[in-house]
């Protein structure tokens, strides 16, 4: 076993602890940056050729709903179906945004990125208009 003079060992230990601490601080700062970026995210989708537009926050909660006059001729259940379908499409846009932010901050292959992106992918899967057409896909049903 190598013997270090007391001063060399103490200095090496201090350098190791300082390096380890700096690494932890850097990872925490990147994680905080990711958290801040995700919290500021939103996504918008539209359906029925623009008759319905929904914006959601990073939490998936609807923050804006825009309906044009075309919906005045729809039944209430048709409006509701379209709004919900468009909201799910907007929510489905969040996971790719989170994945991009994670790659730019904590690294795409990091444990933090996998956990955060995985959470968004499971809560808000990507949905296309073909997957969930809302009122536009009803045809003559419900009339």
C-alpha atoms as a PDB file:
ATOM      1  CA  UNK A   1       0.000   0.000   0.000  1.00  0.00           C
ATOM      2  CA  UNK A   2       1.391   3.347  -1.009  1.00  0.00           C
ATOM      3  CA  UNK A   3       2.201   5.800   1.688  1.00  0.00           C
ATOM      4  CA  UNK A   4       1.462   9.473   1.119  1.00  0.00           C
ATOM      5  CA  UNK A   5       2.875  12.172   3.207  1.00  0.00           C
ATOM      6  CA  UNK A   6       0.010  13.557   5.252  1.00  0.00           C
ATOM      7  CA  UNK A   7      -0.144  16.807   3.255  1.00  0.00           C
ATOM      8  CA  UNK A   8      -0.397  15.012  -0.133  1.00  0.00           C
ATOM      9  CA  UNK A   9      -3.216  12.734   1.046  1.00  0.00           C
ATOM     10  CA  UNK A  10      -5.146  15.621   2.580  1.00  0.00           C
ATOM     11  CA  UNK A  11      -4.752  17.699  -0.591  1.00  0.00           C
ATOM     12  CA  UNK A  12      -5.826  14.774  -2.795  1.00  0.00           C
ATOM     13  CA  UNK A  13      -8.856  14.165  -0.589  1.00  0.00           C
ATOM     14  CA  UNK A  14      -9.828  17.813  -0.704  1.00  0.00           C
ATOM     15  CA  UNK A  15      -9.508  17.840  -4.506  1.00  0.00           C
ATOM     16  CA  UNK A  16     -11.638  14.695  -4.769  1.00  0.00           C
ATOM     17  CA  UNK A  17     -14.357  16.105  -2.498  1.00  0.00           C
ATOM     18  CA  UNK A  18     -14.311  19.447  -4.341  1.00  0.00           C
ATOM     19  CA  UNK A  19     -14.591  17.681  -7.708  1.00  0.00           C
ATOM     20  CA  UNK A  20     -17.381  15.415  -6.472  1.00  0.00           C
ATOM     21  CA  UNK A  21     -19.245  18.377  -4.982  1.00  0.00           C
ATOM     22  CA  UNK A  22     -18.868  20.405  -8.193  1.00  0.00           C
ATOM     23  CA  UNK A  23     -20.245  17.460 -10.194  1.00  0.00           C
ATOM     24  CA  UNK A  24     -23.264  17.199  -7.916  1.00  0.00           C
ATOM     25  CA  UNK A  25     -23.844  20.954  -8.115  1.00  0.00           C
ATOM     26  CA  UNK A  26     -23.591  20.899 -11.915  1.00  0.00           C
ATOM     27  CA  UNK A  27     -26.093  18.010 -12.220  1.00  0.00           C
ATOM     28  CA  UNK A  28     -28.472  19.777  -9.835  1.00  0.00           C
ATOM     29  CA  UNK A  29     -28.229  22.991 -11.874  1.00  0.00           C
ATOM     30  CA  UNK A  30     -28.978  21.120 -15.105  1.00  0.00           C
ATOM     31  CA  UNK A  31     -31.915  19.331 -13.468  1.00  0.00           C
ATOM     32  CA  UNK A  32     -33.258  22.677 -12.259  1.00  0.00           C
ATOM     33  CA  UNK A  33     -32.895  24.115 -15.756  1.00  0.00           C
ATOM     34  CA  UNK A  34     -34.856  21.168 -17.137  1.00  0.00           C
ATOM     35  CA  UNK A  35     -37.534  21.684 -14.498  1.00  0.00           C
ATOM     36  CA  UNK A  36     -37.791  25.389 -15.332  1.00  0.00           C
ATOM     37  CA  UNK A  37     -38.009  24.736 -19.065  1.00  0.00           C
ATOM     38  CA  UNK A  38     -40.658  22.040 -18.647  1.00  0.00           C
ATOM     39  CA  UNK A  39     -42.736  24.237 -16.349  1.00  0.00           C
ATOM     40  CA  UNK A  40     -42.794  26.947 -19.034  1.00  0.00           C
ATOM     41  CA  UNK A  41     -43.910  24.608 -21.834  1.00  0.00           C
ATOM     42  CA  UNK A  42     -47.254  24.600 -23.557  1.00  0.00           C
ATOM     43  CA  UNK A  43     -48.684  22.950 -26.627  1.00  0.00           C
ATOM     44  CA  UNK A  44     -51.513  23.877 -28.976  1.00  0.00           C
ATOM     45  CA  UNK A  45     -53.527  21.701 -31.327  1.00  0.00           C
ATOM     46  CA  UNK A  46     -56.544  22.280 -33.489  1.00  0.00           C
ATOM     47  CA  UNK A  47     -59.274  20.167 -34.970  1.00  0.00           C
ATOM     48  CA  UNK A  48     -62.279  20.300 -37.273  1.00  0.00           C
ATOM     49  CA  UNK A  49     -60.325  22.371 -39.780  1.00  0.00           C
ATOM     50  CA  UNK A  50     -59.490  24.977 -37.145  1.00  0.00           C
ATOM     51  CA  UNK A  51     -62.955  25.251 -35.604  1.00  0.00           C
ATOM     52  CA  UNK A  52     -61.529  24.097 -32.250  1.00  0.00           C
ATOM     53  CA  UNK A  53     -58.146  25.088 -30.852  1.00  0.00           C
ATOM     54  CA  UNK A  54     -56.842  23.972 -27.452  1.00  0.00           C
ATOM     55  CA  UNK A  55     -53.691  24.992 -25.596  1.00  0.00           C
ATOM     56  CA  UNK A  56     -52.419  22.982 -22.643  1.00  0.00           C
ATOM     57  CA  UNK A  57     -49.769  23.751 -20.024  1.00  0.00           C
ATOM     58  CA  UNK A  58     -46.907  21.414 -19.134  1.00  0.00           C
ATOM     59  CA  UNK A  59     -49.204  19.797 -16.569  1.00  0.00           C
ATOM     60  CA  UNK A  60     -51.579  18.834 -19.374  1.00  0.00           C
ATOM     61  CA  UNK A  61     -54.268  21.189 -18.062  1.00  0.00           C
ATOM     62  CA  UNK A  62     -56.147  23.203 -20.631  1.00  0.00           C
ATOM     63  CA  UNK A  63     -55.134  26.861 -20.517  1.00  0.00           C
ATOM     64  CA  UNK A  64     -56.927  28.168 -23.586  1.00  0.00           C
ATOM     65  CA  UNK A  65     -59.893  27.099 -25.688  1.00  0.00           C
ATOM     66  CA  UNK A  66     -60.880  28.793 -28.927  1.00  0.00           C
ATOM     67  CA  UNK A  67     -64.053  27.909 -30.799  1.00  0.00           C
ATOM     68  CA  UNK A  68     -65.147  29.544 -34.005  1.00  0.00           C
ATOM     69  CA  UNK A  69     -68.719  30.080 -35.140  1.00  0.00           C
ATOM     70  CA  UNK A  70     -68.853  26.769 -37.014  1.00  0.00           C
ATOM     71  CA  UNK A  71     -69.393  24.949 -33.707  1.00  0.00           C
ATOM     72  CA  UNK A  72     -72.712  26.788 -33.234  1.00  0.00           C
ATOM     73  CA  UNK A  73     -74.350  24.266 -35.552  1.00  0.00           C
ATOM     74  CA  UNK A  74     -72.990  21.281 -33.610  1.00  0.00           C
ATOM     75  CA  UNK A  75     -74.688  19.453 -30.777  1.00  0.00           C
ATOM     76  CA  UNK A  76     -73.220  19.832 -27.307  1.00  0.00           C
ATOM     77  CA  UNK A  77     -71.866  16.256 -27.295  1.00  0.00           C
ATOM     78  CA  UNK A  78     -70.149  16.910 -30.624  1.00  0.00           C
ATOM     79  CA  UNK A  79     -68.450  20.024 -29.282  1.00  0.00           C
ATOM     80  CA  UNK A  80     -67.365  18.150 -26.169  1.00  0.00           C
ATOM     81  CA  UNK A  81     -65.966  15.250 -28.204  1.00  0.00           C
ATOM     82  CA  UNK A  82     -63.968  17.569 -30.444  1.00  0.00           C
ATOM     83  CA  UNK A  83     -62.614  19.633 -27.544  1.00  0.00           C
ATOM     84  CA  UNK A  84     -61.462  16.510 -25.693  1.00  0.00           C
ATOM     85  CA  UNK A  85     -59.895  14.987 -28.809  1.00  0.00           C
ATOM     86  CA  UNK A  86     -58.010  18.194 -29.600  1.00  0.00           C
ATOM     87  CA  UNK A  87     -56.907  18.520 -25.971  1.00  0.00           C
ATOM     88  CA  UNK A  88     -55.435  14.991 -26.076  1.00  0.00           C
ATOM     89  CA  UNK A  89     -53.580  15.853 -29.299  1.00  0.00           C
ATOM     90  CA  UNK A  90     -52.151  18.974 -27.643  1.00  0.00           C
ATOM     91  CA  UNK A  91     -51.119  16.948 -24.590  1.00  0.00           C
ATOM     92  CA  UNK A  92     -49.467  14.420 -26.891  1.00  0.00           C
ATOM     93  CA  UNK A  93     -47.133  17.158 -28.134  1.00  0.00           C
ATOM     94  CA  UNK A  94     -45.652  17.637 -24.661  1.00  0.00           C
ATOM     95  CA  UNK A  95     -43.476  14.489 -24.455  1.00  0.00           C
ATOM     96  CA  UNK A  96     -41.389  15.332 -27.559  1.00  0.00           C
ATOM     97  CA  UNK A  97     -40.850  18.861 -26.211  1.00  0.00           C
ATOM     98  CA  UNK A  98     -39.775  17.459 -22.848  1.00  0.00           C
ATOM     99  CA  UNK A  99     -37.460  14.974 -24.561  1.00  0.00           C
ATOM    100  CA  UNK A 100     -35.769  17.785 -26.471  1.00  0.00           C
ATOM    101  CA  UNK A 101     -35.348  19.895 -23.333  1.00  0.00           C
ATOM    102  CA  UNK A 102     -33.981  16.892 -21.425  1.00  0.00           C
ATOM    103  CA  UNK A 103     -31.451  16.139 -24.158  1.00  0.00           C
ATOM    104  CA  UNK A 104     -30.273  19.757 -24.108  1.00  0.00           C
ATOM    105  CA  UNK A 105     -29.994  20.004 -20.319  1.00  0.00           C
ATOM    106  CA  UNK A 106     -29.387  16.699 -18.550  1.00  0.00           C
ATOM    107  CA  UNK A 107     -28.558  14.534 -21.573  1.00  0.00           C
ATOM    108  CA  UNK A 108     -30.944  12.216 -23.389  1.00  0.00           C
ATOM    109  CA  UNK A 109     -29.412   9.084 -21.871  1.00  0.00           C
ATOM    110  CA  UNK A 110     -29.404  10.297 -18.279  1.00  0.00           C
ATOM    111  CA  UNK A 111     -31.521   8.669 -15.622  1.00  0.00           C
ATOM    112  CA  UNK A 112     -33.268  12.000 -15.041  1.00  0.00           C
ATOM    113  CA  UNK A 113     -34.192  12.316 -18.720  1.00  0.00           C
ATOM    114  CA  UNK A 114     -35.488   8.752 -18.892  1.00  0.00           C
ATOM    115  CA  UNK A 115     -37.653   9.295 -15.805  1.00  0.00           C
ATOM    116  CA  UNK A 116     -39.095  12.657 -16.831  1.00  0.00           C
ATOM    117  CA  UNK A 117     -39.661  11.789 -20.493  1.00  0.00           C
ATOM    118  CA  UNK A 118     -41.080   8.377 -19.575  1.00  0.00           C
ATOM    119  CA  UNK A 119     -43.555  10.031 -17.250  1.00  0.00           C
ATOM    120  CA  UNK A 120     -44.753  12.370 -20.008  1.00  0.00           C
ATOM    121  CA  UNK A 121     -44.927   9.572 -22.583  1.00  0.00           C
ATOM    122  CA  UNK A 122     -47.076   7.429 -20.315  1.00  0.00           C
ATOM    123  CA  UNK A 123     -49.384  10.255 -19.185  1.00  0.00           C
ATOM    124  CA  UNK A 124     -49.701  12.015 -22.535  1.00  0.00           C
ATOM    125  CA  UNK A 125     -49.144   9.625 -25.446  1.00  0.00           C
ATOM    126  CA  UNK A 126     -48.876  11.153 -28.877  1.00  0.00           C
ATOM    127  CA  UNK A 127     -52.273  11.146 -30.575  1.00  0.00           C
ATOM    128  CA  UNK A 128     -52.916  11.988 -34.197  1.00  0.00           C
ATOM    129  CA  UNK A 129     -56.178  13.164 -35.678  1.00  0.00           C
ATOM    130  CA  UNK A 130     -56.442   9.789 -37.408  1.00  0.00           C
ATOM    131  CA  UNK A 131     -56.088   8.011 -34.039  1.00  0.00           C
ATOM    132  CA  UNK A 132     -58.765  10.154 -32.422  1.00  0.00           C
ATOM    133  CA  UNK A 133     -60.715  12.191 -34.953  1.00  0.00           C
ATOM    134  CA  UNK A 134     -63.134  13.807 -32.463  1.00  0.00           C
ATOM    135  CA  UNK A 135     -66.300  15.241 -33.977  1.00  0.00           C
ATOM    136  CA  UNK A 136     -64.732  15.457 -37.421  1.00  0.00           C
ATOM    137  CA  UNK A 137     -64.616  11.663 -37.513  1.00  0.00           C
ATOM    138  CA  UNK A 138     -68.209  11.102 -36.483  1.00  0.00           C
ATOM    139  CA  UNK A 139     -69.703  11.376 -39.933  1.00  0.00           C
ATOM    140  CA  UNK A 140     -73.458  11.078 -39.436  1.00  0.00           C
ATOM    141  CA  UNK A 141     -73.179   9.373 -36.042  1.00  0.00           C
ATOM    142  CA  UNK A 142     -74.782  11.164 -33.112  1.00  0.00           C
ATOM    143  CA  UNK A 143     -77.142  13.224 -35.261  1.00  0.00           C
END
